[in-house]
N, C-alpha and C. Protein backbone atom coordinates (compact mmCIF):
# COMPACT_ATOMS: atom_id res chain seq x y z
N MET A 1 -1.90 -79.47 52.95
CA MET A 1 -2.04 -78.39 53.85
C MET A 1 -3.68 -78.16 53.99
N LYS A 2 -4.34 -78.13 52.96
CA LYS A 2 -5.95 -77.90 52.73
C LYS A 2 -6.67 -78.60 53.93
N ARG A 3 -5.89 -79.74 54.40
CA ARG A 3 -6.96 -80.47 55.80
C ARG A 3 -6.53 -79.60 56.86
N LEU A 4 -5.26 -79.10 57.10
CA LEU A 4 -4.96 -78.83 58.10
C LEU A 4 -5.11 -77.08 58.31
N PHE A 5 -5.40 -76.36 57.26
CA PHE A 5 -6.28 -75.46 57.45
C PHE A 5 -7.59 -75.44 57.97
N TRP A 6 -8.23 -76.33 57.25
CA TRP A 6 -9.71 -76.96 57.55
C TRP A 6 -9.95 -76.96 59.27
N LEU A 7 -8.90 -77.82 59.45
CA LEU A 7 -8.91 -78.29 60.56
C LEU A 7 -8.87 -77.28 61.95
N GLY A 8 -8.30 -76.36 61.24
CA GLY A 8 -7.99 -74.85 62.40
C GLY A 8 -9.06 -73.83 62.47
N VAL A 9 -9.73 -74.03 60.95
CA VAL A 9 -11.31 -73.41 60.96
C VAL A 9 -11.94 -74.17 62.14
N GLY A 10 -12.13 -75.29 62.01
CA GLY A 10 -13.16 -75.91 62.69
C GLY A 10 -12.88 -75.92 64.30
N VAL A 11 -11.40 -75.74 64.40
CA VAL A 11 -11.14 -75.82 66.07
C VAL A 11 -11.68 -74.38 66.32
N VAL A 12 -11.32 -73.39 65.57
CA VAL A 12 -11.23 -72.05 66.31
C VAL A 12 -12.99 -71.69 66.00
N ALA A 13 -13.67 -72.09 64.86
CA ALA A 13 -15.41 -72.15 65.34
C ALA A 13 -15.71 -73.06 66.41
N GLY A 14 -15.13 -74.32 67.21
CA GLY A 14 -15.98 -74.98 68.36
C GLY A 14 -15.70 -73.92 69.47
N VAL A 15 -14.62 -73.55 69.67
CA VAL A 15 -14.06 -72.96 70.50
C VAL A 15 -15.05 -71.63 70.68
N ALA A 16 -15.13 -70.99 69.61
CA ALA A 16 -15.84 -69.47 69.77
C ALA A 16 -17.43 -69.95 70.34
N LEU A 17 -18.06 -71.02 69.54
CA LEU A 17 -19.44 -71.43 69.91
C LEU A 17 -19.17 -71.74 71.25
N SER A 18 -18.60 -72.64 71.73
CA SER A 18 -18.34 -72.79 73.37
C SER A 18 -18.04 -71.72 74.38
N ARG A 19 -17.82 -71.23 73.78
CA ARG A 19 -17.64 -69.69 74.76
C ARG A 19 -18.69 -69.11 74.40
N LYS A 20 -19.18 -68.49 73.53
CA LYS A 20 -20.75 -68.15 73.34
C LYS A 20 -21.91 -69.19 74.11
N ALA A 21 -21.94 -70.30 74.10
CA ALA A 21 -22.55 -71.17 74.63
C ALA A 21 -22.81 -71.23 76.34
N THR A 22 -21.53 -70.98 76.52
CA THR A 22 -21.40 -71.04 78.19
C THR A 22 -21.57 -69.26 78.64
N GLU A 23 -21.65 -68.63 78.08
CA GLU A 23 -22.00 -67.17 78.10
C GLU A 23 -23.44 -67.16 78.01
N THR A 24 -24.24 -67.50 77.60
CA THR A 24 -25.63 -67.67 77.44
C THR A 24 -25.97 -68.68 78.16
N ALA A 25 -25.54 -69.87 78.76
CA ALA A 25 -26.03 -70.59 79.82
C ALA A 25 -26.04 -69.99 80.82
N ARG A 26 -25.04 -69.06 81.37
CA ARG A 26 -24.56 -68.55 82.58
C ARG A 26 -25.39 -67.23 82.68
N GLN A 27 -25.86 -66.63 81.78
CA GLN A 27 -27.10 -65.12 82.05
C GLN A 27 -28.44 -66.07 82.07
N ALA A 28 -28.89 -67.48 81.73
CA ALA A 28 -29.79 -67.71 82.25
C ALA A 28 -29.67 -68.46 83.65
N THR A 29 -28.59 -68.25 84.07
CA THR A 29 -28.78 -68.86 85.95
C THR A 29 -29.59 -67.11 86.82
N PRO A 30 -29.82 -67.62 88.01
CA PRO A 30 -30.07 -66.82 88.79
C PRO A 30 -29.36 -65.42 88.93
N ALA A 31 -27.87 -65.86 89.05
CA ALA A 31 -27.08 -64.44 89.63
C ALA A 31 -26.74 -64.05 87.81
N GLY A 32 -26.77 -64.46 86.61
CA GLY A 32 -26.69 -63.71 85.88
C GLY A 32 -27.85 -63.17 85.22
N LEU A 33 -29.41 -63.32 85.61
CA LEU A 33 -30.29 -62.62 85.37
C LEU A 33 -30.16 -61.25 86.49
N ALA A 34 -29.57 -61.63 87.70
CA ALA A 34 -29.51 -60.68 88.83
C ALA A 34 -28.49 -59.62 88.11
N SER A 35 -27.68 -59.94 87.68
CA SER A 35 -26.53 -59.44 87.22
C SER A 35 -27.01 -58.28 86.06
N ASN A 36 -27.88 -58.70 85.43
CA ASN A 36 -28.66 -58.24 83.99
C ASN A 36 -29.59 -56.99 84.48
N LEU A 37 -30.61 -57.38 85.68
CA LEU A 37 -31.20 -56.50 86.35
C LEU A 37 -30.75 -55.25 87.13
N GLY A 38 -29.44 -55.82 87.43
CA GLY A 38 -29.22 -54.93 88.34
C GLY A 38 -28.57 -53.85 87.34
N ASP A 39 -28.08 -54.02 86.22
CA ASP A 39 -27.14 -53.04 85.13
C ASP A 39 -28.31 -52.31 84.66
N ALA A 40 -29.54 -52.71 84.48
CA ALA A 40 -30.52 -52.26 84.05
C ALA A 40 -31.23 -50.99 84.68
N VAL A 41 -30.72 -51.64 86.43
CA VAL A 41 -32.10 -50.32 87.52
C VAL A 41 -30.66 -49.40 87.33
N ARG A 42 -29.67 -50.04 87.64
CA ARG A 42 -28.26 -48.92 87.41
C ARG A 42 -28.79 -47.53 86.50
N GLU A 43 -28.77 -47.96 85.08
CA GLU A 43 -28.81 -47.09 84.01
C GLU A 43 -30.36 -46.31 83.98
N LEU A 44 -30.90 -47.31 84.50
CA LEU A 44 -32.70 -46.17 85.12
C LEU A 44 -32.23 -45.22 85.89
N ALA A 45 -31.42 -45.20 87.04
CA ALA A 45 -31.40 -44.61 87.91
C ALA A 45 -30.89 -43.47 87.04
N GLY A 46 -29.80 -43.86 86.16
CA GLY A 46 -28.89 -42.44 86.15
C GLY A 46 -29.79 -41.60 85.30
N ALA A 47 -30.30 -42.68 84.19
CA ALA A 47 -31.30 -41.88 83.29
C ALA A 47 -32.26 -40.71 84.16
N VAL A 48 -32.93 -41.43 85.31
CA VAL A 48 -33.66 -40.31 85.91
C VAL A 48 -32.93 -39.31 86.78
N GLY A 49 -31.84 -39.33 86.96
CA GLY A 49 -31.18 -38.18 87.72
C GLY A 49 -30.81 -37.21 86.65
N SER A 50 -30.33 -37.69 85.71
CA SER A 50 -30.25 -36.90 84.73
C SER A 50 -31.37 -35.53 83.96
N PHE A 51 -32.50 -36.70 83.82
CA PHE A 51 -33.55 -35.85 83.80
C PHE A 51 -34.07 -35.16 85.12
N GLY A 52 -33.86 -35.41 86.23
CA GLY A 52 -34.52 -34.44 87.32
C GLY A 52 -33.45 -33.20 87.49
N ALA A 53 -31.98 -33.66 86.70
CA ALA A 53 -31.13 -32.22 86.76
C ALA A 53 -31.68 -31.36 85.90
N GLU A 54 -32.32 -31.99 84.69
CA GLU A 54 -32.66 -31.17 83.38
C GLU A 54 -33.89 -30.40 83.96
N VAL A 55 -34.70 -31.31 84.20
CA VAL A 55 -35.77 -30.56 85.24
C VAL A 55 -35.83 -29.32 85.94
N ARG A 56 -34.56 -29.71 86.89
CA ARG A 56 -34.61 -28.53 87.94
C ARG A 56 -33.94 -27.37 87.40
N ALA A 57 -32.67 -27.41 86.09
CA ALA A 57 -32.07 -26.33 85.34
C ALA A 57 -33.21 -25.47 84.78
N GLY A 58 -34.21 -26.26 83.97
CA GLY A 58 -35.60 -25.41 83.17
C GLY A 58 -36.31 -24.96 84.21
N MET A 59 -36.60 -25.23 85.71
CA MET A 59 -37.36 -24.59 86.25
C MET A 59 -36.56 -23.59 86.93
N SER A 60 -35.55 -23.28 87.08
CA SER A 60 -34.72 -22.34 87.31
C SER A 60 -34.35 -21.41 86.36
N GLU A 61 -34.32 -21.96 85.46
CA GLU A 61 -34.53 -20.64 83.86
C GLU A 61 -35.69 -19.80 83.67
N ARG A 62 -36.33 -20.56 83.76
CA ARG A 62 -37.89 -20.15 83.72
C ARG A 62 -38.43 -19.48 85.00
N GLU A 63 -38.07 -19.76 86.27
CA GLU A 63 -38.17 -18.86 87.38
C GLU A 63 -37.63 -17.28 87.01
N GLN A 64 -36.24 -17.46 86.69
CA GLN A 64 -36.03 -16.16 86.40
C GLN A 64 -36.47 -15.06 85.43
N GLU A 65 -37.07 -15.74 84.21
CA GLU A 65 -37.45 -15.61 83.10
C GLU A 65 -38.46 -14.66 83.77
N LEU A 66 -39.42 -15.31 84.74
CA LEU A 66 -41.26 -14.63 85.30
C LEU A 66 -40.53 -13.65 86.09
N HIS A 67 -39.41 -13.79 86.66
CA HIS A 67 -38.74 -12.67 87.46
C HIS A 67 -38.41 -10.98 86.84
N ASP A 68 -37.66 -11.84 85.56
CA ASP A 68 -37.27 -10.68 84.71
C ASP A 68 -38.87 -9.94 84.38
N MET A 69 -39.60 -10.55 83.85
CA MET A 69 -40.82 -10.31 83.05
C MET A 69 -41.56 -9.29 84.59
N VAL A 70 -41.71 -10.01 85.53
CA VAL A 70 -42.53 -9.07 86.49
C VAL A 70 -41.84 -7.96 86.73
N SER A 71 -40.55 -7.44 86.93
CA SER A 71 -39.63 -6.68 87.10
C SER A 71 -39.99 -5.46 85.73
N GLU A 72 -39.83 -6.14 84.56
CA GLU A 72 -39.97 -5.18 83.40
C GLU A 72 -41.44 -4.60 83.61
N ARG A 73 -42.40 -5.30 83.39
CA ARG A 73 -43.74 -5.23 83.60
C ARG A 73 -44.48 -3.92 84.68
N THR A 74 -43.87 -4.43 85.79
CA THR A 74 -44.44 -3.76 86.98
C THR A 74 -43.42 -2.80 87.68
N GLY A 75 -42.11 -2.39 87.15
CA GLY A 75 -40.99 -2.28 87.73
C GLY A 75 -41.03 -2.21 89.11
N LEU A 76 -40.63 -3.66 89.62
CA LEU A 76 -40.75 -4.02 91.29
C LEU A 76 -39.66 -4.73 90.61
N SER A 77 -38.93 -4.72 92.31
CA SER A 77 -37.88 -5.50 91.96
C SER A 77 -38.24 -6.29 92.55
N THR A 78 -38.03 -8.09 92.18
CA THR A 78 -38.51 -9.10 93.00
C THR A 78 -37.19 -9.81 93.16
N ALA A 79 -37.13 -10.82 94.42
CA ALA A 79 -35.98 -11.05 94.98
C ALA A 79 -35.40 -12.58 93.93
N PRO A 80 -34.64 -12.53 93.47
CA PRO A 80 -34.43 -13.82 92.68
C PRO A 80 -34.10 -14.96 93.63
N VAL A 81 -34.32 -16.07 93.25
CA VAL A 81 -34.16 -17.06 94.45
C VAL A 81 -33.06 -17.89 93.65
N THR A 82 -31.82 -17.68 94.79
CA THR A 82 -30.18 -18.17 94.65
C THR A 82 -30.30 -19.86 94.62
N GLU A 83 -31.16 -20.31 95.69
CA GLU A 83 -30.98 -21.74 95.70
C GLU A 83 -32.20 -22.39 96.34
N GLY A 84 -32.23 -23.62 95.61
CA GLY A 84 -33.50 -24.54 96.54
C GLY A 84 -34.90 -23.89 96.64
N ARG A 85 -35.59 -24.67 96.89
CA ARG A 85 -37.42 -24.52 97.04
C ARG A 85 -36.60 -23.47 98.41
N HIS A 86 -37.53 -22.51 98.19
CA HIS A 86 -38.14 -21.49 99.47
C HIS A 86 -37.11 -20.94 99.88
N ALA A 87 -36.03 -20.30 98.59
CA ALA A 87 -34.38 -19.86 99.23
C ALA A 87 -34.47 -18.53 99.60
N ALA A 88 -35.66 -18.02 99.00
CA ALA A 88 -35.50 -16.44 99.03
C ALA A 88 -36.36 -16.34 100.59
N SER A 89 -36.99 -17.25 100.61
CA SER A 89 -38.12 -16.52 102.03
C SER A 89 -37.01 -16.91 103.61
N PRO A 90 -37.31 -16.08 104.56
CA PRO A 90 -36.62 -16.03 105.51
C PRO A 90 -36.36 -17.49 106.32
N ARG A 91 -35.43 -17.90 106.96
CA ARG A 91 -35.44 -19.26 107.79
C ARG A 91 -36.04 -18.98 109.22
N ARG A 92 -36.88 -19.86 109.42
CA ARG A 92 -37.24 -20.05 110.70
C ARG A 92 -36.38 -20.60 111.41
N PRO A 93 -36.62 -20.20 113.13
CA PRO A 93 -35.72 -21.01 113.93
C PRO A 93 -35.87 -22.76 114.14
N VAL A 94 -35.01 -23.19 114.11
CA VAL A 94 -35.43 -24.80 114.46
C VAL A 94 -36.17 -25.12 115.50
N ARG A 95 -37.33 -25.32 115.86
CA ARG A 95 -38.29 -26.01 117.30
C ARG A 95 -37.45 -27.64 117.43
N ARG A 96 -37.26 -27.26 118.84
CA ARG A 96 -36.86 -28.62 119.52
C ARG A 96 -37.99 -29.47 120.14
N ALA A 97 -38.33 -30.48 119.88
CA ALA A 97 -39.79 -31.33 120.71
C ALA A 97 -39.15 -31.30 122.32
N ARG A 98 -40.22 -30.93 123.08
CA ARG A 98 -40.00 -31.03 124.20
C ARG A 98 -40.40 -32.49 124.72
N ARG A 99 -39.20 -32.76 125.73
CA ARG A 99 -39.61 -33.91 126.38
C ARG A 99 -40.88 -33.96 127.54
N ALA A 100 -41.86 -35.30 127.46
CA ALA A 100 -42.91 -35.28 128.04
C ALA A 100 -42.17 -35.66 129.19
N GLU A 101 -43.10 -35.00 130.44
CA GLU A 101 -42.95 -35.23 132.01
C GLU A 101 -43.90 -36.38 132.49
N GLY A 102 -43.24 -36.92 133.16
CA GLY A 102 -44.02 -38.13 134.04
C GLY A 102 -43.37 -39.36 133.83
């Protein structure tokens, strides 16, 4: 019975080590490296995107604080920006390029 137990332990250990070695070998191939690099780039892109969103939210909050401060100190009402850069400025008509004659 003891020998059967140790045989089972040896088989399980061999299978586990074999799978680990196969996975390590797959990661060392060009396809495995590209997969790891792709995952890292996706993670970095997500982090940069969330950082940008946080920066935009902070800028918007600070801009509102500044509008409130100017209104409080000067008594002048400033137009708050509702969306995007230059949102308070009036829209200009779109100019279309003229075709060259000739």
